[in-house]
N, C-alpha and C. Protein backbone atom coordinates (compact mmCIF):
# COMPACT_ATOMS: atom_id res chain seq x y z
N MET A 1 55.60 129.48 93.49
CA MET A 1 56.22 130.12 94.45
C MET A 1 57.07 131.06 93.52
N GLU A 2 57.20 132.14 94.00
CA GLU A 2 57.96 133.42 93.47
C GLU A 2 59.57 133.60 93.82
N HIS A 3 60.59 133.65 93.07
CA HIS A 3 61.48 133.89 93.56
C HIS A 3 62.11 135.34 93.05
N LEU A 4 63.17 135.85 93.81
CA LEU A 4 63.71 137.21 93.38
C LEU A 4 64.61 136.84 92.49
N TYR A 5 65.12 137.44 91.38
CA TYR A 5 65.95 137.96 90.84
C TYR A 5 66.54 138.88 90.26
N VAL A 6 67.65 139.26 90.29
CA VAL A 6 68.48 140.13 89.65
C VAL A 6 69.38 139.82 88.30
N ILE A 7 68.57 140.71 87.01
CA ILE A 7 68.94 140.05 85.86
C ILE A 7 69.77 141.33 85.27
N THR A 8 71.25 140.98 84.73
CA THR A 8 72.00 141.89 84.25
C THR A 8 72.42 141.57 82.91
N TYR A 9 72.91 143.02 81.88
CA TYR A 9 73.10 141.94 80.39
C TYR A 9 73.85 143.27 79.57
N ASP A 10 74.52 142.25 78.96
CA ASP A 10 75.66 143.64 78.05
C ASP A 10 75.56 142.78 76.80
N ILE A 11 74.87 143.41 75.92
CA ILE A 11 74.41 143.40 74.65
C ILE A 11 75.02 144.50 73.83
N ALA A 12 75.61 143.85 72.79
CA ALA A 12 76.78 144.35 71.78
C ALA A 12 75.88 145.29 70.56
N ASP A 13 74.93 145.26 70.51
CA ASP A 13 74.32 146.04 69.65
C ASP A 13 73.24 147.01 70.03
N ASP A 14 73.22 148.21 70.05
CA ASP A 14 72.29 149.06 70.56
C ASP A 14 70.57 148.82 70.33
N LYS A 15 70.47 148.31 68.54
CA LYS A 15 68.98 147.90 68.53
C LYS A 15 68.64 147.20 69.48
N ARG A 16 69.43 145.83 69.34
CA ARG A 16 69.13 144.45 70.39
C ARG A 16 68.99 144.79 71.51
N TRP A 17 69.88 146.04 72.36
CA TRP A 17 69.94 146.34 73.63
C TRP A 17 68.42 146.92 73.88
N ARG A 18 68.17 147.68 73.10
CA ARG A 18 66.60 148.27 73.44
C ARG A 18 65.50 147.41 73.41
N ARG A 19 65.57 146.34 72.44
CA ARG A 19 64.68 145.07 72.53
C ARG A 19 64.57 144.32 73.79
N ILE A 20 65.94 144.08 74.23
CA ILE A 20 65.90 143.46 75.68
C ILE A 20 65.57 144.41 76.64
N PHE A 21 65.95 145.61 76.61
CA PHE A 21 65.22 146.57 77.43
C PHE A 21 63.89 146.40 77.60
N ARG A 22 63.03 146.21 76.64
CA ARG A 22 61.50 146.44 76.45
C ARG A 22 60.95 145.31 76.81
N ILE A 23 61.43 143.86 76.77
CA ILE A 23 61.39 142.63 77.33
C ILE A 23 61.55 142.67 78.81
N MET A 24 62.54 143.02 79.14
CA MET A 24 62.87 143.24 80.80
C MET A 24 61.81 144.16 81.32
N LYS A 25 61.41 144.93 80.87
CA LYS A 25 60.28 145.90 81.74
C LYS A 25 58.81 145.48 81.57
N GLY A 26 58.81 144.36 80.75
CA GLY A 26 57.18 143.55 80.84
C GLY A 26 57.78 142.50 82.14
N TYR A 27 58.77 142.33 82.85
CA TYR A 27 59.04 141.35 83.83
C TYR A 27 59.52 141.91 85.12
N GLY A 28 59.77 142.89 85.14
CA GLY A 28 60.64 143.58 86.55
C GLY A 28 61.07 144.91 86.63
N GLU A 29 61.45 145.38 87.52
CA GLU A 29 61.56 146.87 87.90
C GLU A 29 63.16 147.15 87.34
N TRP A 30 63.13 148.24 86.66
CA TRP A 30 64.64 148.64 85.90
C TRP A 30 65.24 149.29 87.39
N LEU A 31 66.39 148.91 87.79
CA LEU A 31 67.36 149.44 88.82
C LEU A 31 68.12 150.48 88.03
N GLN A 32 69.06 150.33 87.08
CA GLN A 32 70.12 150.94 86.47
C GLN A 32 70.16 150.31 84.97
N LEU A 33 71.04 150.96 84.29
CA LEU A 33 71.21 150.85 83.06
C LEU A 33 71.04 149.52 82.12
N SER A 34 71.67 148.57 82.61
CA SER A 34 71.31 147.19 82.45
C SER A 34 71.14 146.26 83.19
N VAL A 35 70.26 146.74 84.73
CA VAL A 35 70.25 146.11 85.49
C VAL A 35 68.67 146.04 85.72
N PHE A 36 67.88 144.99 86.13
CA PHE A 36 66.78 144.63 86.59
C PHE A 36 66.37 143.65 87.73
N GLN A 37 65.55 144.07 88.60
CA GLN A 37 65.07 143.10 89.72
C GLN A 37 63.91 142.46 89.19
N CYS A 38 63.52 141.45 89.40
CA CYS A 38 62.16 140.68 88.91
C CYS A 38 61.75 139.62 90.12
N ARG A 39 60.52 139.53 90.34
CA ARG A 39 59.92 138.71 91.43
C ARG A 39 58.84 137.82 90.18
N LEU A 40 59.39 136.65 89.92
CA LEU A 40 58.70 136.01 89.04
C LEU A 40 58.33 134.21 89.57
N ASN A 41 57.70 133.88 88.96
CA ASN A 41 57.04 132.32 89.81
C ASN A 41 57.42 131.62 88.14
N ARG A 42 57.84 130.27 88.55
CA ARG A 42 58.54 129.28 87.48
C ARG A 42 58.33 129.63 86.04
N LEU A 43 56.68 129.80 85.82
CA LEU A 43 56.46 129.68 84.43
C LEU A 43 56.86 131.03 83.81
N ARG A 44 56.91 132.06 84.55
CA ARG A 44 57.01 133.49 84.01
C ARG A 44 58.52 133.77 83.90
N MET A 45 59.25 133.13 84.60
CA MET A 45 60.97 132.82 84.54
C MET A 45 61.30 131.66 83.25
N VAL A 46 60.26 130.96 82.87
CA VAL A 46 60.84 130.24 81.52
C VAL A 46 60.14 131.07 80.54
N GLN A 47 59.21 131.55 80.59
CA GLN A 47 58.99 132.31 79.30
C GLN A 47 59.98 133.44 79.07
N LEU A 48 60.44 134.12 80.15
CA LEU A 48 61.38 135.31 80.23
C LEU A 48 62.50 134.67 79.61
N GLN A 49 63.36 133.67 79.93
CA GLN A 49 64.14 132.87 79.33
C GLN A 49 64.26 132.84 78.08
N SER A 50 63.21 132.12 77.52
CA SER A 50 62.75 131.72 76.05
C SER A 50 62.79 133.23 75.12
N GLU A 51 62.08 134.45 75.68
CA GLU A 51 62.25 135.50 74.98
C GLU A 51 63.83 136.39 74.81
N LEU A 52 64.85 135.92 75.51
CA LEU A 52 65.87 136.62 75.43
C LEU A 52 66.60 135.39 75.24
N HIS A 53 66.57 134.25 75.09
CA HIS A 53 67.45 133.42 74.44
C HIS A 53 67.04 133.57 72.77
N GLU A 54 65.62 133.81 72.49
CA GLU A 54 65.48 134.26 71.05
C GLU A 54 66.12 135.74 70.27
N THR A 55 66.25 136.39 71.50
CA THR A 55 66.53 137.76 70.94
C THR A 55 68.12 138.09 70.86
N ILE A 56 68.97 137.34 71.71
CA ILE A 56 70.24 137.91 71.99
C ILE A 56 70.81 137.07 70.83
N HIS A 57 72.06 137.44 70.43
CA HIS A 57 73.20 136.89 69.39
C HIS A 57 74.20 136.27 70.67
N HIS A 58 73.97 134.99 70.92
CA HIS A 58 74.97 134.05 71.83
C HIS A 58 76.14 133.98 71.89
N LYS A 59 76.60 134.75 70.30
CA LYS A 59 78.36 134.99 70.39
C LYS A 59 78.74 136.16 70.93
N GLU A 60 77.68 137.11 70.92
CA GLU A 60 78.34 138.60 71.12
C GLU A 60 77.59 139.39 72.40
N ASP A 61 76.55 138.46 72.87
CA ASP A 61 75.92 139.07 73.95
C ASP A 61 75.67 138.34 75.27
N HIS A 62 75.72 138.90 76.57
CA HIS A 62 75.60 138.21 77.71
C HIS A 62 74.57 138.55 78.82
N VAL A 63 73.71 137.85 79.09
CA VAL A 63 72.51 137.89 79.99
C VAL A 63 73.05 137.04 81.30
N LEU A 64 73.26 137.75 82.59
CA LEU A 64 73.21 136.87 83.39
C LEU A 64 72.08 137.15 84.81
N ILE A 65 71.65 135.79 85.14
CA ILE A 65 70.34 135.68 86.04
C ILE A 65 70.75 135.40 87.31
N LEU A 66 70.61 136.34 88.33
CA LEU A 66 71.11 135.73 89.87
C LEU A 66 69.68 135.53 90.53
N ASP A 67 69.41 134.16 90.87
CA ASP A 67 68.43 133.83 91.72
C ASP A 67 68.90 134.04 93.28
N LEU A 68 68.03 134.94 93.60
CA LEU A 68 68.27 135.19 95.24
C LEU A 68 67.37 134.23 96.03
N GLY A 69 66.43 133.39 95.71
CA GLY A 69 65.50 132.45 96.34
C GLY A 69 64.32 133.05 96.43
N PRO A 70 63.61 132.05 97.22
CA PRO A 70 61.98 132.45 97.09
C PRO A 70 61.98 133.73 97.93
N VAL A 71 61.01 134.48 97.48
CA VAL A 71 60.68 136.09 97.86
C VAL A 71 60.39 136.13 99.34
N ASP A 72 59.52 135.09 99.93
CA ASP A 72 59.30 135.29 101.08
C ASP A 72 60.02 135.31 102.27
N GLY A 73 61.34 134.47 101.73
CA GLY A 73 62.48 134.28 102.71
C GLY A 73 63.99 135.19 102.29
N VAL A 74 63.71 135.93 101.11
CA VAL A 74 64.94 136.81 100.93
C VAL A 74 64.87 138.17 101.52
N LYS A 75 66.14 138.20 102.37
CA LYS A 75 66.15 139.53 102.90
C LYS A 75 67.66 140.33 102.25
N PRO A 76 67.32 140.77 101.28
CA PRO A 76 68.66 141.26 100.53
C PRO A 76 69.52 142.22 101.59
N HIS A 77 70.72 142.47 101.73
CA HIS A 77 71.32 143.10 102.45
C HIS A 77 72.05 143.99 101.24
N VAL A 78 71.56 144.94 101.08
CA VAL A 78 72.13 146.06 100.00
C VAL A 78 72.53 147.56 100.24
N THR A 79 73.94 147.67 99.87
CA THR A 79 74.46 148.90 99.82
C THR A 79 74.16 149.96 98.70
N SER A 80 73.45 150.87 99.23
CA SER A 80 73.08 151.56 97.70
C SER A 80 74.05 152.84 97.91
N LEU A 81 74.55 153.38 97.24
CA LEU A 81 75.17 154.67 97.43
C LEU A 81 74.28 155.50 96.38
N GLY A 82 73.70 156.68 96.51
CA GLY A 82 73.38 157.69 95.56
C GLY A 82 71.65 157.66 95.74
N LYS A 83 70.78 156.99 94.77
CA LYS A 83 69.61 156.85 94.93
C LYS A 83 69.12 155.79 96.17
N ALA A 84 68.18 155.95 96.43
CA ALA A 84 67.55 154.95 97.34
C ALA A 84 67.37 153.75 96.81
N PHE A 85 67.33 152.57 97.38
CA PHE A 85 66.97 151.14 96.88
C PHE A 85 65.97 150.55 97.31
N GLU A 86 64.93 149.96 96.30
CA GLU A 86 63.90 149.44 97.12
C GLU A 86 63.35 148.04 96.63
N ALA A 87 63.27 146.89 97.32
CA ALA A 87 63.28 145.68 96.55
C ALA A 87 61.61 145.68 96.03
N VAL A 88 61.62 144.85 95.14
CA VAL A 88 60.09 144.89 94.46
C VAL A 88 59.29 144.11 95.66
N LYS A 89 58.41 144.93 95.67
CA LYS A 89 56.77 144.29 96.19
C LYS A 89 55.69 143.49 95.57
N ARG A 90 55.17 142.72 96.27
CA ARG A 90 53.94 142.07 95.82
C ARG A 90 53.07 142.85 95.34
N GLU A 91 52.33 143.36 94.32
CA GLU A 91 51.03 144.27 94.00
C GLU A 91 50.21 143.54 93.13
N ALA A 92 49.27 143.63 93.46
CA ALA A 92 47.91 143.36 92.23
C ALA A 92 48.10 143.99 91.13
N LEU A 93 47.80 143.14 90.18
CA LEU A 93 47.76 144.02 88.66
C LEU A 93 46.25 143.79 88.21
N ILE A 94 46.07 145.32 87.87
CA ILE A 94 44.56 144.96 87.35
C ILE A 94 44.43 145.37 85.83
N PHE A 95 44.41 144.34 84.64
CA PHE A 95 44.47 144.89 83.41
C PHE A 95 42.86 144.99 83.10
C-alpha cells in the first residue's frame, strides 16, 4: 500500500543539500526549493530514510517527513498561491 508523503529538509551545507536534492528526485516530485511530495510503499520509504540517514549530518541538518496517509484515501486540501499545485499521480514506469 502506498502512502503520500510531503518531505522537507533544511541542510546546512550546500554540497550536502545538492546530494539530498538528487536523492529526493529519485523518490518523488519536486514542489519547491526543499520540498518534495512522494508516493511510496513501505519498502521505498525505508530505502529513502536509509539514504537520507547516511547522508545528513545529524547535528546540523533536519529532514521532516509528513505521512498524509494511504494514497487512495488522501484528499489533500491545498491552498496554492502562484503556480498551480498537482498531487502526484500513479503512473507506470518503463525502464
